[in-house]
C-alpha atoms as a PDB file:
ATOM      1  CA  MET A   1      -1.419 -16.905  10.532  1.00  0.00           C
ATOM      2  CA  ASP A   2       1.525 -17.974   8.570  1.00  0.00           C
ATOM      3  CA  LEU A   3       2.523 -15.497   6.253  1.00  0.00           C
ATOM      4  CA  LYS A   4       3.763 -17.400   3.973  1.00  0.00           C
ATOM      5  CA  GLN A   5       0.530 -19.470   3.788  1.00  0.00           C
ATOM      6  CA  PHE A   6      -1.733 -15.790   3.203  1.00  0.00           C
ATOM      7  CA  LEU A   7       0.709 -14.332   0.731  1.00  0.00           C
ATOM      8  CA  LYS A   8       0.919 -18.038  -1.778  1.00  0.00           C
ATOM      9  CA  PRO A   9      -2.497 -17.793  -2.949  1.00  0.00           C
ATOM     10  CA  LEU A  10      -3.033 -13.884  -3.180  1.00  0.00           C
ATOM     11  CA  PRO A  11      -3.297 -12.847  -7.153  1.00  0.00           C
ATOM     12  CA  ALA A  12      -0.425 -10.843  -6.736  1.00  0.00           C
ATOM     13  CA  PHE A  13       2.187 -12.995  -5.734  1.00  0.00           C
ATOM     14  CA  GLU A  14       0.730 -16.356  -7.281  1.00  0.00           C
ATOM     15  CA  ARG A  15       3.325 -16.511 -10.038  1.00  0.00           C
ATOM     16  CA  PHE A  16       6.196 -16.429  -7.780  1.00  0.00           C
ATOM     17  CA  THR A  17       8.771 -19.353  -6.569  1.00  0.00           C
ATOM     18  CA  GLU A  18       8.560 -21.044  -2.955  1.00  0.00           C
ATOM     19  CA  ALA A  19      11.672 -19.303  -2.317  1.00  0.00           C
ATOM     20  CA  ASP A  20      10.850 -15.763  -3.264  1.00  0.00           C
ATOM     21  CA  ILE A  21       7.478 -16.367  -1.112  1.00  0.00           C
ATOM     22  CA  ASP A  22      10.045 -17.300   1.657  1.00  0.00           C
ATOM     23  CA  VAL A  23      12.329 -13.901   1.461  1.00  0.00           C
ATOM     24  CA  LEU A  24       9.583 -11.923   0.903  1.00  0.00           C
ATOM     25  CA  SER A  25       7.539 -12.913   4.065  1.00  0.00           C
ATOM     26  CA  GLY A  26      10.862 -13.049   6.171  1.00  0.00           C
ATOM     27  CA  SER A  27      10.676  -9.620   5.343  1.00  0.00           C
ATOM     28  CA  MET A  28       6.738  -8.201   6.285  1.00  0.00           C
ATOM     29  CA  ALA A  29       6.454  -7.440  10.161  1.00  0.00           C
ATOM     30  CA  VAL A  30       3.136  -9.117  10.819  1.00  0.00           C
ATOM     31  CA  SER A  31       1.249  -6.997  14.294  1.00  0.00           C
ATOM     32  CA  SER A  32      -2.174  -6.218  14.980  1.00  0.00           C
ATOM     33  CA  TYR A  33      -3.439  -2.795  15.711  1.00  0.00           C
ATOM     34  CA  PRO A  34      -6.482  -0.777  16.965  1.00  0.00           C
ATOM     35  CA  ALA A  35      -9.176   0.572  15.469  1.00  0.00           C
ATOM     36  CA  GLY A  36      -8.558   4.403  14.012  1.00  0.00           C
ATOM     37  CA  HIS A  37      -4.910   3.348  14.141  1.00  0.00           C
ATOM     38  CA  ALA A  38      -3.625   5.863  11.310  1.00  0.00           C
ATOM     39  CA  PHE A  39      -1.830   4.022   8.875  1.00  0.00           C
ATOM     40  CA  ILE A  40      -1.030   6.667   6.592  1.00  0.00           C
ATOM     41  CA  THR A  41      -1.397  10.596   6.549  1.00  0.00           C
ATOM     42  CA  GLN A  42      -2.201  12.038   3.559  1.00  0.00           C
ATOM     43  CA  GLY A  43       0.991  14.336   2.592  1.00  0.00           C
ATOM     44  CA  GLN A  44       2.695  12.827   4.655  1.00  0.00           C
ATOM     45  CA  GLN A  45       5.642   9.902   4.024  1.00  0.00           C
ATOM     46  CA  GLY A  46       3.936   6.829   4.423  1.00  0.00           C
ATOM     47  CA  GLU A  47       6.357   4.071   6.611  1.00  0.00           C
ATOM     48  CA  ALA A  48       6.004   1.166   4.475  1.00  0.00           C
ATOM     49  CA  LEU A  49       3.618  -0.931   1.839  1.00  0.00           C
ATOM     50  CA  TYR A  50       0.597  -2.811   4.045  1.00  0.00           C
ATOM     51  CA  LEU A  51      -0.820  -5.862   3.269  1.00  0.00           C
ATOM     52  CA  LEU A  52      -4.057  -6.363   5.040  1.00  0.00           C
ATOM     53  CA  MET A  53      -4.375  -9.709   6.918  1.00  0.00           C
ATOM     54  CA  GLY A  54      -7.335  -9.271   9.326  1.00  0.00           C
ATOM     55  CA  GLY A  55     -10.232  -6.703   9.536  1.00  0.00           C
ATOM     56  CA  ALA A  56     -11.094  -3.301   7.000  1.00  0.00           C
ATOM     57  CA  ILE A  57      -9.305  -0.073   6.470  1.00  0.00           C
ATOM     58  CA  GLU A  58     -11.023   3.254   5.629  1.00  0.00           C
ATOM     59  CA  THR A  59      -8.783   5.277   3.230  1.00  0.00           C
ATOM     60  CA  THR A  60      -9.660   9.418   2.907  1.00  0.00           C
ATOM     61  CA  HIS A  61      -8.635  11.701   0.334  1.00  0.00           C
ATOM     62  CA  VAL A  62      -8.829  15.666  -0.036  1.00  0.00           C
ATOM     63  CA  ASP A  63      -8.490  17.460  -3.068  1.00  0.00           C
ATOM     64  CA  GLU A  64      -5.250  19.837  -2.129  1.00  0.00           C
ATOM     65  CA  ALA A  65      -6.851  22.178  -4.888  1.00  0.00           C
ATOM     66  CA  THR A  66     -10.156  22.839  -3.724  1.00  0.00           C
ATOM     67  CA  GLY A  67     -10.012  20.896   0.016  1.00  0.00           C
ATOM     68  CA  VAL A  68     -12.992  19.271  -0.725  1.00  0.00           C
ATOM     69  CA  SER A  69     -13.058  15.728   0.760  1.00  0.00           C
ATOM     70  CA  GLN A  70     -13.058  12.789  -1.892  1.00  0.00           C
ATOM     71  CA  GLU A  71     -14.769   9.714  -1.243  1.00  0.00           C
ATOM     72  CA  SER A  72     -13.527   7.216   0.962  1.00  0.00           C
ATOM     73  CA  ARG A  73     -12.734   3.359   0.247  1.00  0.00           C
ATOM     74  CA  ASP A  74     -12.515   0.457   2.150  1.00  0.00           C
ATOM     75  CA  LEU A  75      -9.903  -1.963   1.749  1.00  0.00           C
ATOM     76  CA  HIS A  76      -9.933  -5.735   2.679  1.00  0.00           C
ATOM     77  CA  THR A  77      -8.411  -8.450   3.878  1.00  0.00           C
ATOM     78  CA  GLY A  78      -5.662  -9.283   1.448  1.00  0.00           C
ATOM     79  CA  GLU A  79      -4.889  -6.275  -0.487  1.00  0.00           C
ATOM     80  CA  LEU A  80      -2.612  -4.172  -0.126  1.00  0.00           C
ATOM     81  CA  PHE A  81      -1.756  -0.363   0.553  1.00  0.00           C
ATOM     82  CA  GLY A  82       0.961   2.432   0.698  1.00  0.00           C
ATOM     83  CA  LEU A  83       2.665   1.269  -1.475  1.00  0.00           C
ATOM     84  CA  LEU A  84       3.971   4.897  -2.847  1.00  0.00           C
ATOM     85  CA  SER A  85       5.475   4.575   0.277  1.00  0.00           C
ATOM     86  CA  LEU A  86       7.954   2.185  -0.996  1.00  0.00           C
ATOM     87  CA  ILE A  87       9.439   5.642  -2.536  1.00  0.00           C
ATOM     88  CA  ASP A  88      11.949   7.637  -0.444  1.00  0.00           C
ATOM     89  CA  LYS A  89      10.993  11.228  -0.195  1.00  0.00           C
ATOM     90  CA  MET A  90       6.827  10.664  -1.752  1.00  0.00           C
ATOM     91  CA  PRO A  91       4.130  11.984   0.700  1.00  0.00           C
ATOM     92  CA  ALA A  92       0.793   9.799   0.821  1.00  0.00           C
ATOM     93  CA  GLY A  93      -1.968  10.932  -2.056  1.00  0.00           C
ATOM     94  CA  TRP A  94      -4.465   9.516   0.828  1.00  0.00           C
ATOM     95  CA  SER A  95      -5.100   8.656   4.380  1.00  0.00           C
ATOM     96  CA  ALA A  96      -5.610   4.990   6.248  1.00  0.00           C
ATOM     97  CA  VAL A  97      -7.236   4.608   9.188  1.00  0.00           C
ATOM     98  CA  ALA A  98      -8.452   0.921  10.760  1.00  0.00           C
ATOM     99  CA  LYS A  99     -11.575   0.875  10.868  1.00  0.00           C
ATOM    100  CA  GLU A 100     -11.782  -2.054  13.655  1.00  0.00           C
ATOM    101  CA  ALA A 101      -8.837  -4.079  14.946  1.00  0.00           C
ATOM    102  CA  VAL A 102      -6.663  -5.053  12.059  1.00  0.00           C
ATOM    103  CA  THR A 103      -3.934  -7.481  11.386  1.00  0.00           C
ATOM    104  CA  VAL A 104      -1.047  -6.119   8.654  1.00  0.00           C
ATOM    105  CA  ALA A 105       2.027  -7.549   7.686  1.00  0.00           C
ATOM    106  CA  ALA A 106       4.634  -4.374   6.635  1.00  0.00           C
ATOM    107  CA  LEU A 107       7.450  -4.333   4.324  1.00  0.00           C
ATOM    108  CA  SER A 108       9.674  -1.085   4.868  1.00  0.00           C
ATOM    109  CA  ARG A 109      11.273   1.175   2.675  1.00  0.00           C
ATOM    110  CA  GLU A 110      14.650   0.122   3.437  1.00  0.00           C
ATOM    111  CA  ASP A 111      13.593  -4.592   3.537  1.00  0.00           C
ATOM    112  CA  PHE A 112      11.915  -3.269  -0.164  1.00  0.00           C
ATOM    113  CA  GLY A 113      15.857  -2.061  -1.297  1.00  0.00           C
ATOM    114  CA  ARG A 114      16.716  -5.701  -0.237  1.00  0.00           C
ATOM    115  CA  LEU A 115      14.390  -7.617  -1.770  1.00  0.00           C
ATOM    116  CA  PHE A 116      16.647  -6.904  -5.738  1.00  0.00           C
ATOM    117  CA  GLN A 117      19.365  -8.817  -3.691  1.00  0.00           C
ATOM    118  CA  SER A 118      17.370 -12.138  -2.093  1.00  0.00           C
ATOM    119  CA  ALA A 119      14.120 -11.957  -4.742  1.00  0.00           C
ATOM    120  CA  PRO A 120      14.379  -9.989  -7.743  1.00  0.00           C
ATOM    121  CA  PRO A 121      10.963 -11.043  -9.308  1.00  0.00           C
ATOM    122  CA  ILE A 122       9.320  -9.950  -6.392  1.00  0.00           C
ATOM    123  CA  ALA A 123      11.253  -6.796  -6.236  1.00  0.00           C
ATOM    124  CA  HIS A 124      10.443  -6.086  -9.352  1.00  0.00           C
ATOM    125  CA  HIS A 125       7.453  -6.850  -9.284  1.00  0.00           C
ATOM    126  CA  LEU A 126       6.483  -4.429  -6.463  1.00  0.00           C
ATOM    127  CA  GLN A 127       8.502  -2.070  -8.210  1.00  0.00           C
ATOM    128  CA  TYR A 128       5.910  -1.872 -11.403  1.00  0.00           C
ATOM    129  CA  MET A 129       3.068  -1.760  -9.007  1.00  0.00           C
ATOM    130  CA  VAL A 130       4.069   1.215  -7.630  1.00  0.00           C
ATOM    131  CA  ALA A 131       4.468   2.636 -11.470  1.00  0.00           C
ATOM    132  CA  VAL A 132       0.634   1.489 -12.071  1.00  0.00           C
ATOM    133  CA  GLN A 133       0.169   3.058  -8.912  1.00  0.00           C
ATOM    134  CA  LEU A 134       1.705   6.507  -9.772  1.00  0.00           C
ATOM    135  CA  ALA A 135      -0.225   6.208 -13.511  1.00  0.00           C
ATOM    136  CA  ARG A 136      -3.464   5.683 -11.714  1.00  0.00           C
ATOM    137  CA  ASP A 137      -2.908   8.284  -9.122  1.00  0.00           C
ATOM    138  CA  LEU A 138      -1.278  10.830 -12.164  1.00  0.00           C
ATOM    139  CA  GLN A 139      -4.031  10.163 -14.249  1.00  0.00           C
ATOM    140  CA  GLU A 140      -6.940  11.468 -11.218  1.00  0.00           C
ATOM    141  CA  ARG A 141      -4.976  14.188 -10.199  1.00  0.00           C
ATOM    142  CA  ASN A 142      -4.981  15.065 -14.561  1.00  0.00           C
ATOM    143  CA  LYS A 143      -8.543  14.491 -14.382  1.00  0.00           C
ATOM    144  CA  GLU A 144      -9.526  16.984 -10.967  1.00  0.00           C
ATOM    145  CA  LEU A 145      -6.872  19.827 -12.455  1.00  0.00           C
ATOM    146  CA  ARG A 146      -9.400  19.677 -15.277  1.00  0.00           C
ATOM    147  CA  GLU A 147     -13.148  19.770 -13.727  1.00  0.00           C
ATOM    148  CA  LEU A 148     -10.817  22.375 -11.690  1.00  0.00           C
ATOM    149  CA  LEU A 149     -10.754  24.678 -14.835  1.00  0.00           C
ATOM    150  CA  LYS A 150     -14.112  24.195 -16.271  1.00  0.00           C
ATOM    151  CA  LYS A 151     -15.246  25.838 -12.975  1.00  0.00           C
END
């Protein structure tokens, strides 16, 4: 599967130029993994941002304060995961494991850093997506802590 053609229609990347998509697709490595492969482990630094190109990924989260497992979520073709892996020394808030054989495109932190020189609009967009994810996580954690205080 051609990564460039896969990226172009995705809502996260549809507004970017052909040249920017070329740079992004050239910065990502496409690989296949078997069911059960762990991409991200909660509490550990992730290796890369991933784009799911085929298959399904299950994400899970255990509340660190209560030890209670939160509702899991399935990711499907076209979804990004591991955004916070782009931040150095940021432990993952969720675990992500392949439910079946999957194909993913990975963008490492180092390659993300190089995007600021070669494709600034995409690098800034990914940086914005990281900020949005951090804000969502902070809101969710605040909600969890408020619920815990009520008990």
